[in-house]
């Protein structure tokens, strides 16, 4: 999966956020870069839907190059994790602080989401 999406320039409104997603080498999952916001949510949700369809126990989301995930993006992650079968989980590696806080606040201890800072 190599998906990149950028909304056309909004003129004087400033740059529009983008999200690029690349497959991880050596393990099941993706590396994302950019932001998960309204204009990029379709990409994020597509990645999560694909991950749910995969037949692996662990699906890695490398987010060290993601600068922000809004609450709807966090909700999409929690909803997707809820669709994983027994014993399956997302390992979210190095997420932005906003995502960690949102998960801790709204979905503490979600069985389908493991947050790793290493």
Protein backbone atom coordinates (compact mmCIF):
# COMPACT_ATOMS: atom_id res chain seq x y z
CA UNK A 1 0.00 0.00 0.00
CA UNK A 2 1.48 3.31 -1.03
CA UNK A 3 -1.18 5.96 -0.72
CA UNK A 4 -0.76 9.68 -0.60
CA UNK A 5 -3.55 12.21 -0.57
CA UNK A 6 -3.34 15.96 -0.60
CA UNK A 7 -6.24 18.32 -1.09
CA UNK A 8 -5.56 21.03 -3.69
CA UNK A 9 -4.01 24.19 -2.28
CA UNK A 10 -6.56 26.31 -0.44
CA UNK A 11 -5.00 29.58 -1.58
CA UNK A 12 -4.48 32.07 1.21
CA UNK A 13 -5.80 29.65 3.84
CA UNK A 14 -2.36 28.09 4.16
CA UNK A 15 -1.16 24.56 3.48
CA UNK A 16 -3.64 21.71 3.60
CA UNK A 17 -2.66 18.70 5.73
CA UNK A 18 -1.67 15.52 3.97
CA UNK A 19 -1.24 11.89 4.94
CA UNK A 20 1.08 9.42 3.24
CA UNK A 21 1.04 5.71 4.05
CA UNK A 22 3.72 3.15 3.20
CA UNK A 23 3.99 -0.59 3.94
CA UNK A 24 6.43 -1.63 6.64
CA UNK A 25 9.24 -3.90 5.59
CA UNK A 26 9.64 -7.08 7.58
CA UNK A 27 6.32 -6.93 9.43
CA UNK A 28 2.61 -6.57 8.83
CA UNK A 29 1.59 -2.92 8.99
CA UNK A 30 2.15 0.59 7.70
CA UNK A 31 4.21 3.69 8.36
CA UNK A 32 2.29 6.94 8.12
CA UNK A 33 3.48 10.50 7.82
CA UNK A 34 1.45 13.70 8.07
CA UNK A 35 -1.79 14.36 9.95
CA UNK A 36 -5.06 12.54 10.50
CA UNK A 37 -7.71 15.24 10.23
CA UNK A 38 -10.95 15.82 8.32
CA UNK A 39 -9.21 16.12 4.93
CA UNK A 40 -7.18 12.92 5.40
CA UNK A 41 -9.59 10.78 7.39
CA UNK A 42 -10.69 8.71 4.38
CA UNK A 43 -7.10 7.51 3.91
CA UNK A 44 -6.78 6.67 7.61
CA UNK A 45 -10.07 4.78 7.67
CA UNK A 46 -9.07 2.90 4.51
CA UNK A 47 -5.83 1.79 6.16
CA UNK A 48 -7.71 0.61 9.24
CA UNK A 49 -10.33 -1.24 7.18
CA UNK A 50 -7.57 -3.04 5.29
CA UNK A 51 -5.85 -3.94 8.55
CA UNK A 52 -9.06 -5.44 9.94
CA UNK A 53 -9.33 -7.65 6.83
CA UNK A 54 -5.74 -8.89 7.23
CA UNK A 55 -5.34 -12.28 8.87
CA UNK A 56 -2.53 -11.43 11.26
CA UNK A 57 -2.59 -11.32 15.05
CA UNK A 58 -0.61 -8.07 15.18
CA UNK A 59 -0.84 -5.13 12.79
CA UNK A 60 1.73 -2.36 13.31
CA UNK A 61 0.93 1.32 12.84
CA UNK A 62 4.22 3.25 12.85
CA UNK A 63 3.18 6.82 13.60
CA UNK A 64 6.46 8.51 14.56
CA UNK A 65 6.12 10.85 11.55
CA UNK A 66 2.46 11.66 12.22
CA UNK A 67 2.17 15.07 13.84
CA UNK A 68 -1.50 15.00 14.86
CA UNK A 69 -4.50 12.68 15.02
CA UNK A 70 -7.86 14.31 15.77
CA UNK A 71 -10.46 12.71 18.03
CA UNK A 72 -12.40 11.31 15.05
CA UNK A 73 -9.21 9.62 13.84
CA UNK A 74 -8.70 8.15 17.31
CA UNK A 75 -12.32 7.00 17.28
CA UNK A 76 -11.80 5.31 13.93
CA UNK A 77 -8.81 3.46 15.39
CA UNK A 78 -10.83 2.35 18.43
CA UNK A 79 -13.75 1.25 16.22
CA UNK A 80 -11.44 -0.74 13.95
CA UNK A 81 -9.75 -2.35 16.94
CA UNK A 82 -13.21 -3.37 18.16
CA UNK A 83 -13.71 -5.26 14.90
CA UNK A 84 -10.56 -7.33 15.32
CA UNK A 85 -11.08 -10.92 16.32
CA UNK A 86 -10.11 -12.42 19.65
CA UNK A 87 -6.39 -12.10 20.35
CA UNK A 88 -5.73 -9.66 17.51
CA UNK A 89 -4.47 -6.12 18.11
CA UNK A 90 -3.01 -2.97 16.65
CA UNK A 91 0.42 -2.02 17.92
CA UNK A 92 0.60 1.75 17.61
CA UNK A 93 4.27 2.74 17.62
CA UNK A 94 5.37 6.22 18.65
CA UNK A 95 2.02 7.99 18.20
CA UNK A 96 1.69 11.77 18.57
CA UNK A 97 0.87 13.01 22.07
CA UNK A 98 -2.69 14.01 21.13
CA UNK A 99 -3.50 10.43 20.10
CA UNK A 100 -2.01 8.96 23.28
CA UNK A 101 -4.01 11.37 25.44
CA UNK A 102 -7.24 10.75 23.53
CA UNK A 103 -6.88 6.98 23.76
CA UNK A 104 -6.08 7.21 27.49
CA UNK A 105 -9.07 9.46 28.11
CA UNK A 106 -11.77 7.89 25.93
CA UNK A 107 -10.63 4.28 25.38
CA UNK A 108 -8.38 3.39 28.34
CA UNK A 109 -7.10 -0.16 28.26
CA UNK A 110 -8.73 -1.03 24.92
CA UNK A 111 -7.83 -4.70 24.39
CA UNK A 112 -7.29 -4.23 20.65
CA UNK A 113 -4.81 -1.34 20.95
CA UNK A 114 -1.29 -1.52 22.32
CA UNK A 115 0.68 1.74 22.40
CA UNK A 116 4.46 1.41 22.16
CA UNK A 117 6.81 4.34 22.60
CA UNK A 118 9.87 2.39 21.40
